[in-house]
Protein backbone atom coordinates (compact mmCIF):
# COMPACT_ATOMS: atom_id res chain seq x y z
CA MET A 1 8.63 -19.52 1.01
CA PRO A 2 7.09 -18.12 -2.18
CA ASP A 3 8.50 -14.88 -3.47
CA GLY A 4 6.66 -11.98 -1.83
CA ALA A 5 5.62 -8.80 -3.46
CA ASP A 6 7.83 -6.51 -1.44
CA SER A 7 9.89 -5.62 -4.50
CA GLN A 8 6.76 -4.23 -6.23
CA MET A 9 6.32 -1.20 -4.03
CA PRO A 10 7.45 1.94 -5.89
CA ALA A 11 10.93 3.00 -4.99
CA GLY A 12 11.28 6.04 -2.71
CA VAL A 13 7.76 5.83 -1.41
CA ASP A 14 7.69 6.83 2.28
CA SER A 15 4.46 8.82 2.67
CA TYR A 16 1.52 7.36 4.60
CA VAL A 17 -1.89 7.53 2.96
CA LEU A 18 -3.51 5.99 6.04
CA ASP A 19 -2.48 6.35 9.67
CA VAL A 20 -4.64 4.45 12.15
CA ARG A 21 -4.09 5.17 15.85
CA ASP A 22 -5.55 3.28 18.81
CA LEU A 23 -8.80 2.25 17.15
CA LYS A 24 -11.31 0.63 19.45
CA THR A 25 -14.74 -0.73 18.34
CA VAL A 26 -17.30 -2.46 20.55
CA PHE A 27 -20.71 -4.02 19.87
CA ARG A 28 -23.52 -3.70 22.37
CA THR A 29 -25.58 -6.83 22.67
CA ARG A 30 -28.19 -8.23 25.06
CA ARG A 31 -25.47 -10.19 26.78
CA GLY A 32 -23.20 -7.21 27.20
CA GLU A 33 -20.46 -5.56 25.19
CA VAL A 34 -18.25 -7.34 22.65
CA HIS A 35 -14.82 -5.75 22.33
CA ALA A 36 -14.16 -6.52 18.67
CA VAL A 37 -11.25 -4.11 17.96
CA ASN A 38 -8.83 -3.24 20.74
CA ASP A 39 -6.38 -0.38 20.30
CA VAL A 40 -5.36 -1.25 16.74
CA SER A 41 -2.75 0.97 15.20
CA PHE A 42 -1.01 0.69 11.79
CA ARG A 43 0.20 2.76 8.90
CA LEU A 44 -0.19 2.23 5.13
CA LYS A 45 2.30 3.70 2.70
CA ALA A 46 1.34 4.93 -0.72
CA GLY A 47 1.60 2.03 -3.20
CA GLU A 48 2.02 -0.56 -0.48
CA LEU A 49 0.07 -3.82 -0.10
CA LEU A 50 -0.63 -4.72 3.53
CA GLY A 51 -1.85 -8.21 4.23
CA VAL A 52 -4.14 -8.62 7.26
CA VAL A 53 -4.41 -12.25 8.48
CA GLY A 54 -5.98 -14.17 11.28
CA GLU A 55 -8.74 -16.63 12.07
CA SER A 56 -12.43 -15.83 11.69
CA GLY A 57 -13.47 -13.55 14.48
CA SER A 58 -10.00 -12.04 14.96
CA GLY A 59 -11.21 -8.54 14.08
CA LYS A 60 -9.84 -8.15 10.53
CA SER A 61 -13.00 -7.09 8.72
CA VAL A 62 -14.47 -5.11 11.61
CA THR A 63 -11.22 -3.08 11.86
CA MET A 64 -11.34 -2.19 8.18
CA MET A 65 -15.06 -1.41 8.16
CA SER A 66 -14.51 0.77 11.25
CA LEU A 67 -11.99 2.87 9.30
CA ILE A 68 -14.70 4.13 6.90
CA ARG A 69 -17.54 3.81 9.38
CA LEU A 70 -19.47 1.16 7.51
CA LEU A 71 -20.65 -0.64 10.59
CA PRO A 72 -24.26 -0.21 11.74
CA MET A 73 -24.29 2.20 14.76
CA PRO A 74 -25.87 0.89 16.96
CA PRO A 75 -25.08 -1.87 17.78
CA ALA A 76 -21.50 -0.93 16.88
CA GLU A 77 -19.70 1.95 18.55
CA ILE A 78 -16.30 3.26 17.65
CA ARG A 79 -15.19 4.21 21.16
CA LYS A 80 -11.88 5.86 20.38
CA GLY A 81 -9.14 6.23 17.81
CA GLU A 82 -7.94 8.32 14.93
CA VAL A 83 -7.92 7.40 11.23
CA LEU A 84 -5.83 9.99 9.44
CA PHE A 85 -6.37 10.06 5.69
CA GLY A 86 -4.38 12.89 4.19
CA ASP A 87 -4.98 15.84 6.48
CA ARG A 88 -8.36 14.61 7.78
CA ASP A 89 -9.43 12.33 10.62
CA LEU A 90 -12.17 10.05 9.28
CA MET A 91 -13.52 9.66 12.78
CA GLN A 92 -14.27 13.40 13.05
CA ILE A 93 -15.73 14.36 9.68
CA SER A 94 -19.42 14.45 8.87
CA GLU A 95 -21.29 11.58 7.18
CA ASP A 96 -21.69 13.63 4.02
CA GLU A 97 -17.92 14.26 3.89
CA LEU A 98 -17.27 10.58 4.48
CA ARG A 99 -19.63 9.56 1.62
CA ALA A 100 -17.56 11.70 -0.68
CA ILE A 101 -14.46 9.69 0.32
CA ARG A 102 -16.00 6.19 0.37
CA GLY A 103 -16.13 4.81 -3.15
CA ALA A 104 -14.09 7.69 -4.50
CA ARG A 105 -10.75 7.97 -2.66
CA ILE A 106 -11.17 4.72 -0.68
CA GLY A 107 -12.58 1.69 -2.55
CA MET A 108 -13.76 -1.57 -1.07
CA VAL A 109 -14.21 -5.06 -2.54
CA PHE A 110 -16.29 -7.42 -0.41
CA GLN A 111 -16.08 -11.19 -0.11
CA ASP A 112 -19.34 -12.12 -1.82
CA PRO A 113 -20.15 -10.12 -5.00
CA MET A 114 -23.67 -11.58 -5.21
CA THR A 115 -24.63 -9.79 -1.99
CA SER A 116 -22.73 -6.65 -2.94
CA LEU A 117 -24.02 -6.20 -6.46
CA ASN A 118 -27.71 -5.12 -6.76
CA PRO A 119 -29.50 -7.91 -8.64
CA VAL A 120 -32.14 -5.56 -10.12
CA PHE A 121 -29.74 -3.19 -11.89
CA ASN A 122 -27.49 -4.04 -14.80
CA VAL A 123 -23.71 -3.86 -14.41
CA GLY A 124 -23.51 -0.70 -16.51
CA PHE A 125 -25.77 1.23 -14.14
CA GLN A 126 -23.78 0.09 -11.12
CA LEU A 127 -20.51 1.09 -12.72
CA MET A 128 -21.75 4.48 -13.93
CA GLU A 129 -23.37 5.50 -10.64
CA PRO A 130 -20.13 6.30 -8.78
CA LEU A 131 -18.61 7.87 -11.85
CA ARG A 132 -21.52 10.30 -12.15
CA LYS A 133 -21.86 10.89 -8.41
CA HIS A 134 -18.20 11.30 -7.41
CA MET A 135 -16.50 12.39 -10.64
CA GLY A 136 -19.34 14.45 -12.18
CA LEU A 137 -19.26 12.64 -15.57
CA ASP A 138 -22.22 12.90 -17.89
CA LYS A 139 -23.94 9.73 -19.02
CA LYS A 140 -21.94 9.36 -22.25
CA ALA A 141 -18.55 9.88 -20.55
CA ALA A 142 -19.51 7.55 -17.65
CA ARG A 143 -20.50 4.84 -20.09
CA ARG A 144 -17.25 5.16 -21.95
CA ARG A 145 -15.28 4.99 -18.69
CA SER A 146 -17.32 1.93 -17.58
CA ILE A 147 -16.32 0.09 -20.71
CA GLU A 148 -12.67 0.94 -20.05
CA LEU A 149 -12.95 -0.35 -16.50
CA LEU A 150 -14.44 -3.67 -17.60
CA GLU A 151 -11.72 -4.04 -20.12
CA LEU A 152 -9.14 -3.17 -17.42
CA VAL A 153 -10.26 -6.00 -15.22
CA GLY A 154 -10.28 -8.50 -18.13
CA ILE A 155 -13.97 -8.85 -18.97
CA PRO A 156 -14.31 -9.60 -22.75
CA ASP A 157 -16.89 -7.90 -24.94
CA ALA A 158 -17.14 -5.13 -22.34
CA GLU A 159 -19.55 -2.84 -24.19
CA ARG A 160 -22.17 -5.52 -24.68
CA ARG A 161 -21.82 -6.80 -21.13
CA LEU A 162 -22.75 -3.45 -19.62
CA LYS A 163 -26.37 -4.46 -20.22
CA ASP A 164 -26.08 -7.75 -18.39
CA TYR A 165 -27.23 -8.33 -14.82
CA PRO A 166 -25.09 -9.83 -11.99
CA HIS A 167 -26.66 -13.29 -12.34
CA GLN A 168 -25.44 -13.44 -15.92
CA PHE A 169 -21.81 -13.40 -14.82
CA SER A 170 -19.77 -16.25 -13.32
CA GLY A 171 -18.44 -15.93 -9.78
CA GLY A 172 -15.02 -14.87 -11.00
CA MET A 173 -16.44 -12.38 -13.47
CA ARG A 174 -18.73 -10.87 -10.72
CA GLN A 175 -15.67 -10.35 -8.58
CA ARG A 176 -13.96 -8.63 -11.48
CA VAL A 177 -17.01 -6.34 -11.83
CA MET A 178 -16.71 -5.53 -8.07
CA ILE A 179 -13.07 -4.68 -8.48
CA ALA A 180 -13.96 -2.46 -11.50
CA ILE A 181 -16.58 -0.60 -9.39
CA ALA A 182 -14.06 -0.15 -6.53
CA LEU A 183 -11.52 1.28 -9.00
CA ALA A 184 -13.98 3.50 -10.86
CA CYS A 185 -12.87 6.78 -9.25
CA ASP A 186 -9.14 5.96 -9.08
CA PRO A 187 -8.95 5.49 -5.29
CA GLU A 188 -5.83 6.08 -3.28
CA VAL A 189 -6.64 3.05 -1.08
CA LEU A 190 -8.36 -0.22 -1.97
CA ILE A 191 -9.60 -2.45 0.85
CA ALA A 192 -10.16 -6.02 -0.28
CA ASP A 193 -12.11 -8.13 2.26
CA GLU A 194 -11.32 -11.79 1.43
CA PRO A 195 -12.34 -11.24 -2.19
CA THR A 196 -11.21 -14.65 -3.46
CA THR A 197 -12.40 -16.87 -0.57
CA ALA A 198 -15.57 -18.08 -2.37
CA LEU A 199 -13.82 -18.72 -5.69
CA ASP A 200 -12.17 -21.89 -6.92
CA VAL A 201 -8.40 -22.07 -7.00
CA THR A 202 -8.08 -21.31 -10.73
CA ILE A 203 -10.22 -18.24 -10.60
CA GLN A 204 -8.55 -17.15 -7.36
CA ALA A 205 -5.16 -17.22 -9.06
CA GLN A 206 -6.55 -15.10 -11.91
CA ILE A 207 -7.94 -12.50 -9.48
CA LEU A 208 -4.65 -12.31 -7.61
CA GLU A 209 -2.71 -11.86 -10.85
CA LEU A 210 -5.21 -9.14 -11.86
CA VAL A 211 -4.66 -7.29 -8.53
CA LYS A 212 -0.89 -7.39 -9.04
CA GLU A 213 -1.26 -5.93 -12.58
CA LEU A 214 -3.66 -3.18 -11.45
CA ARG A 215 -1.42 -2.21 -8.59
CA GLN A 216 1.49 -1.77 -10.96
CA LYS A 217 -0.61 0.28 -13.37
CA LEU A 218 -2.49 2.47 -10.85
CA GLY A 219 -0.01 2.67 -7.93
CA MET A 220 -2.72 2.54 -5.27
CA ALA A 221 -2.24 1.26 -1.74
CA ILE A 222 -4.12 -2.04 -0.92
CA VAL A 223 -5.22 -3.63 2.30
CA TRP A 224 -5.84 -7.33 1.64
CA ILE A 225 -7.81 -9.15 4.31
CA THR A 226 -7.52 -12.94 4.31
CA HIS A 227 -7.12 -16.05 6.43
CA ASP A 228 -4.87 -17.57 3.72
CA LEU A 229 -1.21 -17.00 4.42
CA GLY A 230 -0.29 -18.63 1.08
CA VAL A 231 -2.01 -15.73 -0.70
CA ILE A 232 -0.24 -13.15 1.45
CA ALA A 233 3.14 -14.71 0.69
CA GLY A 234 2.67 -14.00 -3.01
CA ILE A 235 1.32 -10.49 -3.04
CA ALA A 236 2.02 -8.53 0.14
CA ASP A 237 4.81 -6.15 1.22
CA ARG A 238 3.95 -6.25 4.91
CA VAL A 239 1.83 -8.53 7.05
CA MET A 240 -0.34 -7.67 10.07
CA VAL A 241 -1.44 -10.67 12.16
CA MET A 242 -4.58 -10.19 14.25
CA TYR A 243 -5.93 -12.25 17.17
CA GLY A 244 -8.71 -11.43 19.60
CA GLY A 245 -9.24 -7.97 18.09
CA GLN A 246 -5.59 -7.00 18.50
CA VAL A 247 -2.47 -6.86 16.35
CA VAL A 248 -0.12 -9.56 17.72
CA GLU A 249 2.62 -9.29 15.10
CA GLU A 250 3.51 -7.22 12.06
CA GLY A 251 6.45 -6.95 9.74
CA PRO A 252 7.84 -7.28 6.21
CA VAL A 253 6.45 -10.33 4.51
CA ARG A 254 9.77 -12.10 4.05
CA GLU A 255 10.90 -11.45 7.57
CA LEU A 256 7.63 -12.61 9.14
CA PHE A 257 7.54 -15.81 7.12
CA ASP A 258 11.25 -16.60 7.68
CA ARG A 259 11.42 -15.49 11.37
CA PRO A 260 7.95 -15.44 12.94
CA SER A 261 8.07 -14.24 16.52
CA HIS A 262 4.59 -14.60 18.07
CA PRO A 263 3.51 -18.16 18.93
CA TYR A 264 0.21 -17.58 17.12
CA THR A 265 1.98 -16.54 13.90
CA LYS A 266 4.22 -19.62 14.12
CA MET A 267 1.21 -21.87 14.57
CA LEU A 268 -0.62 -20.24 11.71
CA LEU A 269 2.32 -20.88 9.46
CA GLU A 270 2.41 -24.53 10.51
CA THR A 271 -1.20 -24.99 9.40
CA ILE A 272 -0.31 -24.22 5.78
CA PRO A 273 -0.67 -27.63 3.92
CA SER A 274 2.62 -29.17 2.79
CA ILE A 275 3.36 -32.13 0.54
CA THR A 276 7.05 -32.34 1.47
CA GLY A 277 9.06 -32.63 4.66
CA ASP A 278 7.85 -33.43 8.12
CA ARG A 279 4.31 -32.19 7.51
CA ALA A 280 3.63 -34.24 4.43
CA ASP A 281 1.37 -36.76 6.16
CA ARG A 282 -0.73 -34.67 8.55
CA LEU A 283 -2.52 -31.33 8.69
CA GLN A 284 -1.56 -29.17 11.67
CA VAL A 285 -4.29 -27.45 13.68
CA ILE A 286 -4.37 -24.81 16.41
CA GLN A 287 -5.96 -26.43 19.44
CA GLY A 288 -8.59 -24.64 21.49
CA GLN A 289 -11.09 -21.92 20.73
CA PRO A 290 -10.75 -18.17 19.96
CA PRO A 291 -11.22 -15.96 23.03
CA MET A 292 -14.53 -14.48 24.20
CA LEU A 293 -14.34 -10.73 23.74
CA GLY A 294 -16.69 -9.68 26.51
CA ALA A 295 -14.26 -7.34 28.30
CA ASP A 296 -11.35 -5.05 27.71
CA PRO A 297 -8.25 -7.21 27.25
CA SER A 298 -6.22 -7.18 30.49
CA ALA A 299 -4.12 -10.24 29.62
CA CYS A 300 -2.72 -12.00 26.60
CA ALA A 301 -5.68 -13.14 24.47
CA PHE A 302 -3.75 -16.15 23.15
CA ARG A 303 -2.60 -17.47 26.53
CA ASP A 304 -5.15 -20.33 26.78
CA ARG A 305 -3.98 -21.80 23.44
CA CYS A 306 -0.30 -20.99 23.70
CA PRO A 307 2.16 -23.81 24.55
CA HIS A 308 4.59 -21.29 26.05
CA ALA A 309 2.19 -19.33 28.36
CA PHE A 310 3.42 -18.51 31.88
CA ALA A 311 2.03 -16.55 34.84
CA ARG A 312 2.64 -13.08 33.47
CA CYS A 313 0.54 -13.84 30.38
CA ALA A 314 -2.57 -14.03 32.56
CA GLN A 315 -1.79 -10.79 34.39
CA GLU A 316 -0.80 -8.31 31.65
CA ASN A 317 -1.57 -7.65 28.01
CA PRO A 318 1.72 -7.46 26.06
CA LEU A 319 2.49 -4.48 23.87
CA LEU A 320 3.82 -4.57 20.33
CA GLU A 321 7.62 -4.32 20.65
CA PRO A 322 10.40 -4.51 18.07
CA VAL A 323 11.79 -8.03 17.44
CA GLY A 324 14.49 -9.39 15.15
CA VAL A 325 16.66 -7.20 12.98
CA ALA A 326 14.28 -6.08 10.21
CA PRO A 327 12.85 -2.58 10.62
CA GLY A 328 9.13 -2.60 11.34
CA HIS A 329 9.04 -6.16 12.68
CA ARG A 330 7.11 -6.07 15.99
CA ALA A 331 5.35 -8.64 18.15
CA ALA A 332 3.20 -8.56 21.29
CA CYS A 333 4.54 -11.45 23.37
CA PHE A 334 6.27 -11.65 26.73
CA LEU A 335 8.22 -14.69 25.55
CA ASN A 336 10.43 -12.39 23.49
CA GLU A 337 11.32 -10.38 26.62
CA GLU A 338 12.02 -13.59 28.61
CA SER A 339 14.39 -14.93 25.91
CA VAL A 340 16.55 -11.77 25.86
């Protein structure tokens, strides 16, 4: 597998900047409730890059948007859970307190910069707004910092480009602008929601390299949401695999790629295109459809697509349990218990 980024995490770092416990989010619709996030728990260390992977509809983005309460409520409802950020639970603080954290201490980069950037304001205004609001900079200082940020993310002629509008930038440059805005207030955590999906392969590689460089310079923790395991292999320290609104496997990136434990993880890895070996002539697919999320999970969500499912899988929902020898490698699958 490609070299992971696990060696990039600062040595000696063992504090958690984010501690998520039993997070549950539902959507109320005319047809009933949709249980989009089901008892998700994870921790994020300072300086760590956590990759979150899974198919569309697996709950990746909804989980991360729930953390900072960005979902429209209603129809969304965060039914339970704790999100500990420093000494505060983001589920318990007021909306005003949360606004002071969003964009300042926790930054977010969305998938499509054209829908995230305001088309009627120039880039300079959109960069300076969080600097003036969250950091209290005057107009001159905010402008100077905005130029520094555009230079940091590799946009040439930064001072002149402050006057340009989003439509005057290419897709890759717009994404760089979004990263600059997310970094404006030196956040402790950056959440990147499939930020390279809409970009071509060359620009995608440039953005990934940029993120690696910024992480080394700034030392922030990053949550990188994607469906592309190839991307995760190159940048992440740990991987969290989601399916049906639940975490089905998590572990260090090298361990998970070399010794995947959950059948879904194994099948995801098999779908990565290969030009050598047994998979050179055909693209693997995961048969079947993702589960309907109309009720609390009382059984394994993957059982209908799993080639190893047996009676117990339809009767109980497996818990995340340690697997393998690497610390922190856990999977939610009864098959691991049966093979012991």
